[in-house]
PDB file of N, CA and C in Angstrom:
ATOM      1  N   MET A   1      56.951  64.509 -86.835  1.00  0.00           N
ATOM      2  CA  MET A   1      58.303  64.203 -87.045  1.00  0.00           C
ATOM      3  C   MET A   1      59.150  65.120 -86.687  1.00  0.00           C
ATOM      4  N   ASN A   2      60.459  64.755 -85.742  1.00  0.00           N
ATOM      5  CA  ASN A   2      61.240  65.288 -85.359  1.00  0.00           C
ATOM      6  C   ASN A   2      62.001  65.989 -86.244  1.00  0.00           C
ATOM      7  N   VAL A   3      62.244  67.572 -85.859  1.00  0.00           N
ATOM      8  CA  VAL A   3      63.235  68.380 -86.551  1.00  0.00           C
ATOM      9  C   VAL A   3      63.968  69.339 -85.856  1.00  0.00           C
ATOM     10  N   GLN A   4      65.484  69.057 -86.082  1.00  0.00           N
ATOM     11  CA  GLN A   4      66.393  69.602 -85.600  1.00  0.00           C
ATOM     12  C   GLN A   4      66.906  70.953 -85.858  1.00  0.00           C
ATOM     13  N   ILE A   5      66.851  72.177 -85.142  1.00  0.00           N
ATOM     14  CA  ILE A   5      66.902  73.425 -85.387  1.00  0.00           C
ATOM     15  C   ILE A   5      68.511  73.670 -85.069  1.00  0.00           C
ATOM     16  N   SER A   6      69.154  74.218 -86.021  1.00  0.00           N
ATOM     17  CA  SER A   6      70.889  74.259 -85.915  1.00  0.00           C
ATOM     18  C   SER A   6      71.189  75.571 -86.151  1.00  0.00           C
ATOM     19  N   CYS A   7      70.258  76.691 -86.245  1.00  0.00           N
ATOM     20  CA  CYS A   7      70.807  77.921 -86.305  1.00  0.00           C
ATOM     21  C   CYS A   7      69.330  78.856 -86.414  1.00  0.00           C
ATOM     22  N   ILE A   8      69.452  80.018 -85.917  1.00  0.00           N
ATOM     23  CA  ILE A   8      68.611  81.241 -85.870  1.00  0.00           C
ATOM     24  C   ILE A   8      68.843  82.237 -86.244  1.00  0.00           C
ATOM     25  N   ASN A   9      68.073  83.172 -86.900  1.00  0.00           N
ATOM     26  CA  ASN A   9      68.228  84.616 -87.052  1.00  0.00           C
ATOM     27  C   ASN A   9      67.325  85.578 -86.303  1.00  0.00           C
ATOM     28  N   LYS A  10      67.981  86.624 -85.829  1.00  0.00           N
ATOM     29  CA  LYS A  10      67.500  87.363 -84.996  1.00  0.00           C
ATOM     30  C   LYS A  10      67.715  88.790 -85.619  1.00  0.00           C
ATOM     31  N   ASP A  11      66.633  89.680 -85.074  1.00  0.00           N
ATOM     32  CA  ASP A  11      66.759  91.180 -85.473  1.00  0.00           C
ATOM     33  C   ASP A  11      67.507  91.575 -84.413  1.00  0.00           C
ATOM     34  N   ASP A  12      67.389  92.865 -84.162  1.00  0.00           N
ATOM     35  CA  ASP A  12      68.059  93.638 -83.064  1.00  0.00           C
ATOM     36  C   ASP A  12      66.931  94.043 -81.987  1.00  0.00           C
ATOM     37  N   ARG A  13      65.897  93.406 -81.668  1.00  0.00           N
ATOM     38  CA  ARG A  13      65.060  93.899 -80.592  1.00  0.00           C
ATOM     39  C   ARG A  13      65.568  93.236 -79.269  1.00  0.00           C
ATOM     40  N   PHE A  14      65.486  93.986 -78.162  1.00  0.00           N
ATOM     41  CA  PHE A  14      65.996  93.620 -77.050  1.00  0.00           C
ATOM     42  C   PHE A  14      65.545  92.836 -76.277  1.00  0.00           C
ATOM     43  N   ASP A  15      64.153  92.591 -76.588  1.00  0.00           N
ATOM     44  CA  ASP A  15      63.474  91.533 -75.783  1.00  0.00           C
ATOM     45  C   ASP A  15      63.967  90.249 -76.431  1.00  0.00           C
ATOM     46  N   PRO A  16      64.369  89.307 -75.798  1.00  0.00           N
ATOM     47  CA  PRO A  16      64.888  87.990 -76.174  1.00  0.00           C
ATOM     48  C   PRO A  16      63.808  87.535 -76.605  1.00  0.00           C
ATOM     49  N   HIS A  17      62.715  87.197 -75.963  1.00  0.00           N
ATOM     50  CA  HIS A  17      61.381  86.552 -76.403  1.00  0.00           C
ATOM     51  C   HIS A  17      60.989  86.912 -78.173  1.00  0.00           C
ATOM     52  N   GLU A  18      61.384  88.061 -78.159  1.00  0.00           N
ATOM     53  CA  GLU A  18      60.924  88.793 -79.568  1.00  0.00           C
ATOM     54  C   GLU A  18      61.758  88.846 -80.726  1.00  0.00           C
ATOM     55  N   SER A  19      62.988  88.310 -80.337  1.00  0.00           N
ATOM     56  CA  SER A  19      64.352  88.560 -81.219  1.00  0.00           C
ATOM     57  C   SER A  19      64.221  87.462 -82.317  1.00  0.00           C
ATOM     58  N   ILE A  20      63.980  86.353 -82.053  1.00  0.00           N
ATOM     59  CA  ILE A  20      64.344  85.399 -83.276  1.00  0.00           C
ATOM     60  C   ILE A  20      63.334  85.740 -84.369  1.00  0.00           C
ATOM     61  N   ILE A  21      63.541  85.505 -85.594  1.00  0.00           N
ATOM     62  CA  ILE A  21      62.938  85.831 -86.851  1.00  0.00           C
ATOM     63  C   ILE A  21      62.546  84.689 -87.697  1.00  0.00           C
ATOM     64  N   HIS A  22      64.025  84.124 -87.699  1.00  0.00           N
ATOM     65  CA  HIS A  22      63.919  82.631 -88.264  1.00  0.00           C
ATOM     66  C   HIS A  22      64.791  81.270 -87.860  1.00  0.00           C
ATOM     67  N   VAL A  23      64.391  80.349 -88.099  1.00  0.00           N
ATOM     68  CA  VAL A  23      65.012  79.003 -87.715  1.00  0.00           C
ATOM     69  C   VAL A  23      65.086  78.238 -88.870  1.00  0.00           C
ATOM     70  N   GLY A  24      66.462  77.539 -88.566  1.00  0.00           N
ATOM     71  CA  GLY A  24      66.893  76.828 -89.870  1.00  0.00           C
ATOM     72  C   GLY A  24      67.448  75.646 -89.335  1.00  0.00           C
ATOM     73  N   GLY A  25      67.832  74.621 -90.234  1.00  0.00           N
ATOM     74  CA  GLY A  25      68.646  73.379 -90.048  1.00  0.00           C
ATOM     75  C   GLY A  25      69.294  72.658 -91.646  1.00  0.00           C
ATOM     76  N   MET A  26      69.435  71.572 -91.227  1.00  0.00           N
ATOM     77  CA  MET A  26      69.666  70.769 -92.250  1.00  0.00           C
ATOM     78  C   MET A  26      68.825  69.295 -92.828  1.00  0.00           C
ATOM     79  N   ASN A  27      68.767  69.189 -93.870  1.00  0.00           N
ATOM     80  CA  ASN A  27      67.605  68.301 -94.295  1.00  0.00           C
ATOM     81  C   ASN A  27      68.742  66.981 -94.397  1.00  0.00           C
ATOM     82  N   ALA A  28      68.075  65.938 -94.249  1.00  0.00           N
ATOM     83  CA  ALA A  28      68.888  64.394 -94.444  1.00  0.00           C
ATOM     84  C   ALA A  28      69.537  64.707 -95.768  1.00  0.00           C
ATOM     85  N   ASP A  29      69.186  65.261 -96.639  1.00  0.00           N
ATOM     86  CA  ASP A  29      70.063  65.145 -97.850  1.00  0.00           C
ATOM     87  C   ASP A  29      71.074  65.961 -98.142  1.00  0.00           C
ATOM     88  N   GLY A  30      71.069  67.130 -96.821  1.00  0.00           N
ATOM     89  CA  GLY A  30      72.529  67.890 -96.779  1.00  0.00           C
ATOM     90  C   GLY A  30      72.119  69.363 -97.184  1.00  0.00           C
ATOM     91  N   THR A  31      70.670  69.809 -97.731  1.00  0.00           N
ATOM     92  CA  THR A  31      70.314  70.868 -97.925  1.00  0.00           C
ATOM     93  C   THR A  31      69.984  71.660 -96.969  1.00  0.00           C
ATOM     94  N   ARG A  32      69.854  72.841 -96.952  1.00  0.00           N
ATOM     95  CA  ARG A  32      69.367  73.580 -95.839  1.00  0.00           C
ATOM     96  C   ARG A  32      68.041  73.806 -95.613  1.00  0.00           C
ATOM     97  N   TRP A  33      67.614  74.311 -94.783  1.00  0.00           N
ATOM     98  CA  TRP A  33      66.099  74.926 -94.604  1.00  0.00           C
ATOM     99  C   TRP A  33      66.097  75.890 -93.569  1.00  0.00           C
ATOM    100  N   ARG A  34      65.259  76.817 -94.050  1.00  0.00           N
ATOM    101  CA  ARG A  34      64.904  77.766 -92.844  1.00  0.00           C
ATOM    102  C   ARG A  34      63.434  78.385 -93.144  1.00  0.00           C
ATOM    103  N   MET A  35      62.922  78.472 -91.876  1.00  0.00           N
ATOM    104  CA  MET A  35      61.545  79.168 -92.059  1.00  0.00           C
ATOM    105  C   MET A  35      61.587  80.056 -91.013  1.00  0.00           C
ATOM    106  N   THR A  36      60.264  81.030 -91.251  1.00  0.00           N
ATOM    107  CA  THR A  36      59.827  82.227 -90.236  1.00  0.00           C
ATOM    108  C   THR A  36      59.674  81.471 -88.754  1.00  0.00           C
ATOM    109  N   LEU A  37      59.877  82.384 -87.868  1.00  0.00           N
ATOM    110  CA  LEU A  37      59.144  82.256 -86.520  1.00  0.00           C
ATOM    111  C   LEU A  37      57.577  81.823 -86.695  1.00  0.00           C
ATOM    112  N   ALA A  38      56.801  82.500 -87.286  1.00  0.00           N
ATOM    113  CA  ALA A  38      55.548  82.288 -87.416  1.00  0.00           C
ATOM    114  C   ALA A  38      55.301  80.601 -88.004  1.00  0.00           C
ATOM    115  N   GLN A  39      55.988  80.667 -88.982  1.00  0.00           N
ATOM    116  CA  GLN A  39      55.726  79.206 -89.677  1.00  0.00           C
ATOM    117  C   GLN A  39      55.954  78.195 -88.473  1.00  0.00           C
ATOM    118  N   ALA A  40      57.198  78.117 -88.027  1.00  0.00           N
ATOM    119  CA  ALA A  40      57.513  77.148 -87.041  1.00  0.00           C
ATOM    120  C   ALA A  40      56.765  76.985 -85.649  1.00  0.00           C
ATOM    121  N   ILE A  41      56.013  78.285 -85.216  1.00  0.00           N
ATOM    122  CA  ILE A  41      54.931  77.676 -84.193  1.00  0.00           C
ATOM    123  C   ILE A  41      53.961  77.491 -84.647  1.00  0.00           C
ATOM    124  N   GLN A  42      53.493  77.562 -86.039  1.00  0.00           N
ATOM    125  CA  GLN A  42      52.272  76.926 -86.509  1.00  0.00           C
ATOM    126  C   GLN A  42      52.687  75.752 -86.659  1.00  0.00           C
ATOM    127  N   TYR A  43      53.531  75.125 -87.256  1.00  0.00           N
ATOM    128  CA  TYR A  43      54.127  73.790 -87.503  1.00  0.00           C
ATOM    129  C   TYR A  43      54.143  73.011 -85.980  1.00  0.00           C
ATOM    130  N   SER A  44      54.677  73.547 -85.142  1.00  0.00           N
ATOM    131  CA  SER A  44      54.642  72.950 -83.645  1.00  0.00           C
ATOM    132  C   SER A  44      53.301  72.705 -83.180  1.00  0.00           C
ATOM    133  N   GLU A  45      52.417  74.066 -83.427  1.00  0.00           N
ATOM    134  CA  GLU A  45      51.163  73.756 -82.725  1.00  0.00           C
ATOM    135  C   GLU A  45      50.234  73.092 -83.116  1.00  0.00           C
ATOM    136  N   ALA A  46      50.607  72.687 -84.427  1.00  0.00           N
ATOM    137  CA  ALA A  46      49.659  71.723 -85.316  1.00  0.00           C
ATOM    138  C   ALA A  46      49.954  70.288 -84.937  1.00  0.00           C
ATOM    139  N   GLY A  47      51.592  69.962 -84.456  1.00  0.00           N
ATOM    140  CA  GLY A  47      51.765  68.779 -84.597  1.00  0.00           C
ATOM    141  C   GLY A  47      52.696  68.230 -85.416  1.00  0.00           C
ATOM    142  N   THR A  48      52.992  69.130 -86.578  1.00  0.00           N
ATOM    143  CA  THR A  48      53.424  68.604 -88.007  1.00  0.00           C
ATOM    144  C   THR A  48      54.869  68.331 -87.779  1.00  0.00           C
ATOM    145  N   TYR A  49      55.399  69.047 -86.976  1.00  0.00           N
ATOM    146  CA  TYR A  49      56.932  69.274 -86.685  1.00  0.00           C
ATOM    147  C   TYR A  49      57.163  69.053 -84.847  1.00  0.00           C
ATOM    148  N   ARG A  50      58.015  68.546 -84.333  1.00  0.00           N
ATOM    149  CA  ARG A  50      58.470  68.594 -83.082  1.00  0.00           C
ATOM    150  C   ARG A  50      59.989  69.181 -82.958  1.00  0.00           C
ATOM    151  N   PHE A  51      60.418  70.230 -82.582  1.00  0.00           N
ATOM    152  CA  PHE A  51      61.469  70.867 -82.886  1.00  0.00           C
ATOM    153  C   PHE A  51      62.209  70.315 -81.712  1.00  0.00           C
ATOM    154  N   TYR A  52      63.630  70.271 -81.889  1.00  0.00           N
ATOM    155  CA  TYR A  52      64.719  70.334 -81.129  1.00  0.00           C
ATOM    156  C   TYR A  52      66.017  71.014 -81.185  1.00  0.00           C
ATOM    157  N   VAL A  53      66.919  71.247 -80.206  1.00  0.00           N
ATOM    158  CA  VAL A  53      68.222  71.572 -80.458  1.00  0.00           C
ATOM    159  C   VAL A  53      69.207  70.391 -79.867  1.00  0.00           C
ATOM    160  N   ASN A  54      70.250  69.975 -80.479  1.00  0.00           N
ATOM    161  CA  ASN A  54      71.295  69.378 -79.867  1.00  0.00           C
ATOM    162  C   ASN A  54      71.928  69.850 -78.861  1.00  0.00           C
ATOM    163  N   VAL A  55      72.155  69.289 -77.617  1.00  0.00           N
ATOM    164  CA  VAL A  55      73.264  69.665 -76.646  1.00  0.00           C
ATOM    165  C   VAL A  55      73.865  68.519 -76.191  1.00  0.00           C
ATOM    166  N   ASN A  56      75.080  68.527 -76.192  1.00  0.00           N
ATOM    167  CA  ASN A  56      75.730  67.422 -75.898  1.00  0.00           C
ATOM    168  C   ASN A  56      75.208  66.081 -76.228  1.00  0.00           C
ATOM    169  N   ASN A  57      74.977  65.985 -77.640  1.00  0.00           N
ATOM    170  CA  ASN A  57      74.567  64.919 -78.162  1.00  0.00           C
ATOM    171  C   ASN A  57      73.281  64.317 -77.646  1.00  0.00           C
ATOM    172  N   ASP A  58      72.388  65.344 -77.060  1.00  0.00           N
ATOM    173  CA  ASP A  58      71.024  65.017 -76.442  1.00  0.00           C
ATOM    174  C   ASP A  58      70.148  65.897 -76.969  1.00  0.00           C
ATOM    175  N   PRO A  59      68.870  65.641 -77.260  1.00  0.00           N
ATOM    176  CA  PRO A  59      67.730  66.418 -77.880  1.00  0.00           C
ATOM    177  C   PRO A  59      67.392  67.301 -76.651  1.00  0.00           C
ATOM    178  N   VAL A  60      67.194  68.596 -76.980  1.00  0.00           N
ATOM    179  CA  VAL A  60      66.421  69.643 -75.877  1.00  0.00           C
ATOM    180  C   VAL A  60      65.218  69.967 -76.703  1.00  0.00           C
ATOM    181  N   TRP A  61      64.098  69.720 -76.398  1.00  0.00           N
ATOM    182  CA  TRP A  61      63.016  70.074 -77.275  1.00  0.00           C
ATOM    183  C   TRP A  61      62.807  71.507 -77.205  1.00  0.00           C
ATOM    184  N   VAL A  62      61.976  72.026 -78.016  1.00  0.00           N
ATOM    185  CA  VAL A  62      61.582  73.257 -78.265  1.00  0.00           C
ATOM    186  C   VAL A  62      60.291  73.337 -78.177  1.00  0.00           C
ATOM    187  N   ILE A  63      59.609  74.435 -77.206  1.00  0.00           N
ATOM    188  CA  ILE A  63      57.923  74.658 -77.241  1.00  0.00           C
ATOM    189  C   ILE A  63      57.547  75.944 -77.394  1.00  0.00           C
ATOM    190  N   VAL A  64      56.458  76.091 -77.744  1.00  0.00           N
ATOM    191  CA  VAL A  64      55.624  77.457 -77.824  1.00  0.00           C
ATOM    192  C   VAL A  64      55.374  77.932 -76.738  1.00  0.00           C
ATOM    193  N   ALA A  65      55.821  79.124 -76.523  1.00  0.00           N
ATOM    194  CA  ALA A  65      55.552  79.939 -74.890  1.00  0.00           C
ATOM    195  C   ALA A  65      55.075  81.189 -75.564  1.00  0.00           C
ATOM    196  N   VAL A  66      54.395  81.772 -74.548  1.00  0.00           N
ATOM    197  CA  VAL A  66      53.546  83.135 -74.644  1.00  0.00           C
ATOM    198  C   VAL A  66      54.207  84.015 -73.707  1.00  0.00           C
ATOM    199  N   SER A  67      54.692  85.485 -74.414  1.00  0.00           N
ATOM    200  CA  SER A  67      55.599  86.383 -73.721  1.00  0.00           C
ATOM    201  C   SER A  67      54.654  87.309 -72.843  1.00  0.00           C
ATOM    202  N   ARG A  68      55.219  87.932 -71.979  1.00  0.00           N
ATOM    203  CA  ARG A  68      54.316  88.584 -70.767  1.00  0.00           C
ATOM    204  C   ARG A  68      53.110  89.449 -71.670  1.00  0.00           C
ATOM    205  N   ASN A  69      53.746  90.032 -72.953  1.00  0.00           N
ATOM    206  CA  ASN A  69      52.836  90.729 -74.053  1.00  0.00           C
ATOM    207  C   ASN A  69      51.856  90.072 -74.645  1.00  0.00           C
ATOM    208  N   GLY A  70      52.003  88.815 -74.680  1.00  0.00           N
ATOM    209  CA  GLY A  70      50.780  88.016 -75.321  1.00  0.00           C
ATOM    210  C   GLY A  70      51.164  87.399 -76.612  1.00  0.00           C
ATOM    211  N   ASN A  71      52.620  87.715 -77.032  1.00  0.00           N
ATOM    212  CA  ASN A  71      53.558  87.102 -78.243  1.00  0.00           C
ATOM    213  C   ASN A  71      53.819  85.751 -77.883  1.00  0.00           C
ATOM    214  N   LYS A  72      53.512  84.994 -79.029  1.00  0.00           N
ATOM    215  CA  LYS A  72      53.911  83.367 -79.230  1.00  0.00           C
ATOM    216  C   LYS A  72      55.570  83.708 -79.480  1.00  0.00           C
ATOM    217  N   TYR A  73      56.196  82.833 -79.163  1.00  0.00           N
ATOM    218  CA  TYR A  73      57.822  82.638 -79.251  1.00  0.00           C
ATOM    219  C   TYR A  73      58.280  81.480 -79.045  1.00  0.00           C
ATOM    220  N   LEU A  74      59.348  80.814 -79.486  1.00  0.00           N
ATOM    221  CA  LEU A  74      60.023  79.264 -79.287  1.00  0.00           C
ATOM    222  C   LEU A  74      60.892  79.748 -78.069  1.00  0.00           C
ATOM    223  N   LYS A  75      61.044  78.277 -77.319  1.00  0.00           N
ATOM    224  CA  LYS A  75      61.919  78.315 -76.357  1.00  0.00           C
ATOM    225  C   LYS A  75      62.447  76.832 -75.914  1.00  0.00           C
ATOM    226  N   THR A  76      63.626  76.699 -75.465  1.00  0.00           N
ATOM    227  CA  THR A  76      63.607  75.222 -74.760  1.00  0.00           C
ATOM    228  C   THR A  76      62.932  74.796 -73.912  1.00  0.00           C
ATOM    229  N   VAL A  77      62.813  73.728 -73.396  1.00  0.00           N
ATOM    230  CA  VAL A  77      62.316  73.269 -72.172  1.00  0.00           C
ATOM    231  C   VAL A  77      63.437  73.422 -71.218  1.00  0.00           C
ATOM    232  N   ALA A  78      63.149  73.588 -70.014  1.00  0.00           N
ATOM    233  CA  ALA A  78      63.980  73.818 -68.897  1.00  0.00           C
ATOM    234  C   ALA A  78      65.035  72.913 -68.772  1.00  0.00           C
ATOM    235  N   ASP A  79      66.245  73.027 -68.896  1.00  0.00           N
ATOM    236  CA  ASP A  79      67.100  71.975 -68.914  1.00  0.00           C
ATOM    237  C   ASP A  79      68.018  72.438 -67.626  1.00  0.00           C
ATOM    238  N   GLY A  80      67.980  73.271 -67.156  1.00  0.00           N
ATOM    239  CA  GLY A  80      68.994  73.981 -66.458  1.00  0.00           C
ATOM    240  C   GLY A  80      70.292  74.548 -66.900  1.00  0.00           C
ATOM    241  N   ASP A  81      70.107  74.679 -68.251  1.00  0.00           N
ATOM    242  CA  ASP A  81      71.339  75.407 -69.084  1.00  0.00           C
ATOM    243  C   ASP A  81      71.045  77.130 -69.130  1.00  0.00           C
ATOM    244  N   VAL A  82      71.881  77.963 -69.000  1.00  0.00           N
ATOM    245  CA  VAL A  82      71.716  79.155 -69.313  1.00  0.00           C
ATOM    246  C   VAL A  82      73.038  79.457 -70.250  1.00  0.00           C
ATOM    247  N   PRO A  83      72.705  80.423 -71.040  1.00  0.00           N
ATOM    248  CA  PRO A  83      71.539  81.016 -71.717  1.00  0.00           C
ATOM    249  C   PRO A  83      70.614  79.766 -72.277  1.00  0.00           C
ATOM    250  N   ASN A  84      69.375  80.260 -72.618  1.00  0.00           N
ATOM    251  CA  ASN A  84      68.567  79.455 -73.471  1.00  0.00           C
ATOM    252  C   ASN A  84      68.953  78.817 -74.754  1.00  0.00           C
ATOM    253  N   ASN A  85      69.185  77.450 -74.889  1.00  0.00           N
ATOM    254  CA  ASN A  85      69.856  76.848 -76.140  1.00  0.00           C
ATOM    255  C   ASN A  85      69.404  76.997 -77.246  1.00  0.00           C
ATOM    256  N   LEU A  86      68.182  77.764 -77.342  1.00  0.00           N
ATOM    257  CA  LEU A  86      68.167  78.196 -78.762  1.00  0.00           C
ATOM    258  C   LEU A  86      68.441  79.549 -79.107  1.00  0.00           C
ATOM    259  N   LEU A  87      68.665  80.406 -78.274  1.00  0.00           N
ATOM    260  CA  LEU A  87      69.209  81.878 -78.408  1.00  0.00           C
ATOM    261  C   LEU A  87      70.673  81.597 -78.775  1.00  0.00           C
ATOM    262  N   ALA A  88      71.117  80.436 -78.234  1.00  0.00           N
ATOM    263  CA  ALA A  88      72.399  80.440 -78.081  1.00  0.00           C
ATOM    264  C   ALA A  88      72.965  79.648 -79.338  1.00  0.00           C
ATOM    265  N   LEU A  89      72.100  79.431 -80.310  1.00  0.00           N
ATOM    266  CA  LEU A  89      72.531  78.719 -81.754  1.00  0.00           C
ATOM    267  C   LEU A  89      73.206  79.925 -82.592  1.00  0.00           C
ATOM    268  N   ARG A  90      73.937  79.516 -83.472  1.00  0.00           N
ATOM    269  CA  ARG A  90      74.688  80.166 -84.327  1.00  0.00           C
ATOM    270  C   ARG A  90      73.690  81.149 -85.504  1.00  0.00           C
ATOM    271  N   GLU A  91      73.968  81.983 -86.093  1.00  0.00           N
ATOM    272  CA  GLU A  91      72.982  82.546 -86.955  1.00  0.00           C
ATOM    273  C   GLU A  91      73.010  81.453 -88.603  1.00  0.00           C
ATOM    274  N   CYS A  92      71.946  81.538 -88.786  1.00  0.00           N
ATOM    275  CA  CYS A  92      71.457  81.003 -89.887  1.00  0.00           C
ATOM    276  C   CYS A  92      72.403  81.844 -90.969  1.00  0.00           C
ATOM    277  N   LEU A  93      72.616  81.125 -92.374  1.00  0.00           N
ATOM    278  CA  LEU A  93      73.192  81.787 -93.569  1.00  0.00           C
ATOM    279  C   LEU A  93      71.919  82.216 -94.264  1.00  0.00           C
ATOM    280  N   LEU A  94      72.259  83.371 -94.934  1.00  0.00           N
ATOM    281  CA  LEU A  94      71.250  83.551 -95.810  1.00  0.00           C
ATOM    282  C   LEU A  94      71.052  83.446 -96.960  1.00  0.00           C
ATOM    283  N   TYR A  95      69.539  83.054 -97.575  1.00  0.00           N
ATOM    284  CA  TYR A  95      69.910  82.254 -98.841  1.00  0.00           C
ATOM    285  C   TYR A  95      69.229  83.096 -99.843  1.00  0.00           C
TER     286      TYR A  95
END
């Protein structure tokens, strides 16, 4: 299932690869959803969800990557945009 990520929550780490702690979005019924980074990585790797962000009305896919320290994180596929489209999203409202 394709799922749009429209917001993120970051902690105060300096490494952008480790700064996202939650991703979130809107369900078809208008309710909000939010999950931890670990959950999103697990769902992505299992093929349960295929995440994307909307950039100029086009989907930019989100993939699992591994930092130089060996930690998994999410990032958008290279599309020539700077900054990373995922890191540029607004903060999710806390529930």
